[in-house]
Structure formats: structure tokens, C-alpha cells
Amino acid sequence: MRGKHHITVNQIAPGWTISDRDRENRTEQQDAYEAHVPLRRRGTDQEIANAVAFFASDLASFTTGAFIPVNGGTTMPAI
């Protein structure tokens, strides 16, 4: 939460993400896992970085206590 020190606290919940190691080993595609993900694919490290960049930017200056699942729909929080 943002207090008198103007610190915000937010959370990113990544799903199983394709990494450089997966690219090197050519293991990006995991059919059994992807079949259970609503978007039918694994995320990329860049997609996680995009969410981090948002929270770190002035675009999120009034955002605190937020939870962003970056996981293709494997976790859907209820409101």
C-alpha cells in the first residue's frame, strides 16, 4: 500500500514462462501444459517484463495493492 513514503506494493503472478534456457534447449512448446492454459500457450519472459515495467512506471503511480496474473488465464481472481 502507498503510505506517507509514497511506496506502492503490487504483485505479479507469472505462469510457466519461456526462458532463454528453453530457447537454447528448444523446449518452448509443452503441449501437455499448454492444453490446460486458456490461451493455449506459455508466456514469454518479455510479457512478464512488460507487467513489471508497468508497475515501475509513472503509469502505475496511483496503483497499489494490485495483483496481475500474467499466466494466460490459469489463475483468474474473483472480484
Protein backbone atom coordinates (compact mmCIF):
# COMPACT_ATOMS: atom_id res chain seq x y z
CA MET A 1 0.00 0.00 0.00
CA ARG A 2 1.12 3.56 -0.56
CA GLY A 3 1.77 5.47 2.62
CA LYS A 4 3.46 8.64 3.69
CA HIS A 5 6.69 7.49 2.00
CA HIS A 6 4.92 7.03 -1.35
CA ILE A 7 5.82 3.35 -1.61
CA THR A 8 3.48 1.15 -3.61
CA VAL A 9 3.19 -2.61 -3.18
CA ASN A 10 1.92 -4.69 -6.09
CA GLN A 11 2.23 -8.30 -7.21
CA ILE A 12 2.78 -10.08 -10.50
CA ALA A 13 1.89 -13.77 -10.64
CA PRO A 14 3.65 -15.31 -13.64
CA GLY A 15 2.68 -18.61 -15.16
CA TRP A 16 5.15 -21.11 -16.59
CA THR A 17 7.28 -18.82 -18.72
CA ILE A 18 9.55 -19.48 -21.68
CA SER A 19 13.10 -18.55 -20.75
CA ASP A 20 16.45 -18.33 -22.52
CA ARG A 21 17.16 -21.86 -21.31
CA ASP A 22 14.01 -23.12 -23.06
CA ARG A 23 15.08 -21.33 -26.23
CA GLU A 24 18.56 -22.85 -26.05
CA ASN A 25 17.16 -26.34 -25.44
CA ARG A 26 14.29 -25.85 -27.90
CA THR A 27 11.74 -26.73 -25.22
CA GLU A 28 9.48 -23.70 -25.68
CA GLN A 29 6.48 -25.76 -26.66
CA GLN A 30 4.96 -28.01 -23.98
CA ASP A 31 1.77 -29.45 -25.48
CA ALA A 32 0.51 -31.18 -22.30
CA TYR A 33 0.77 -27.99 -20.25
CA GLU A 34 -0.48 -25.67 -22.99
CA ALA A 35 -3.63 -27.77 -23.43
CA HIS A 36 -4.70 -26.66 -19.92
CA VAL A 37 -3.94 -22.96 -20.37
CA PRO A 38 -6.92 -20.93 -21.62
CA LEU A 39 -4.70 -19.02 -24.08
CA ARG A 40 -3.14 -22.36 -25.19
CA ARG A 41 0.49 -21.27 -24.87
CA ARG A 42 3.22 -20.44 -22.40
CA GLY A 43 4.10 -16.84 -21.70
CA THR A 44 7.40 -15.22 -22.51
CA ASP A 45 9.89 -13.53 -20.26
CA GLN A 46 9.18 -10.32 -22.17
CA GLU A 47 5.50 -10.50 -21.24
CA ILE A 48 6.43 -10.72 -17.55
CA ALA A 49 8.89 -7.84 -18.01
CA ASN A 50 6.10 -5.74 -19.57
CA ALA A 51 3.99 -6.10 -16.43
CA VAL A 52 6.99 -5.24 -14.24
CA ALA A 53 7.71 -2.19 -16.41
CA PHE A 54 4.13 -1.02 -15.95
CA PHE A 55 4.34 -1.22 -12.15
CA ALA A 56 7.73 0.53 -12.22
CA SER A 57 6.49 3.35 -14.46
CA ASP A 58 4.58 6.54 -13.74
CA LEU A 59 1.58 4.88 -15.42
CA ALA A 60 1.08 2.94 -12.17
CA SER A 61 1.73 5.85 -9.80
CA PHE A 62 -1.77 5.57 -8.27
CA THR A 63 -1.83 1.75 -8.31
CA THR A 64 -1.16 -0.10 -5.07
CA GLY A 65 -2.31 -3.41 -3.68
CA ALA A 66 -2.76 -4.73 -7.21
CA PHE A 67 -2.38 -8.35 -8.34
CA ILE A 68 -1.73 -9.03 -12.02
CA PRO A 69 -1.73 -12.68 -13.12
CA VAL A 70 0.43 -12.91 -16.26
CA ASN A 71 -0.28 -16.57 -16.89
CA GLY A 72 -2.56 -17.00 -19.88
CA GLY A 73 -5.64 -17.40 -17.71
CA THR A 74 -4.53 -20.27 -15.46
CA THR A 75 -5.44 -18.13 -12.43
CA MET A 76 -8.50 -15.94 -12.57
CA PRO A 77 -9.03 -13.97 -9.36
CA ALA A 78 -12.60 -13.21 -8.34
CA ILE A 79 -13.66 -9.70 -7.51
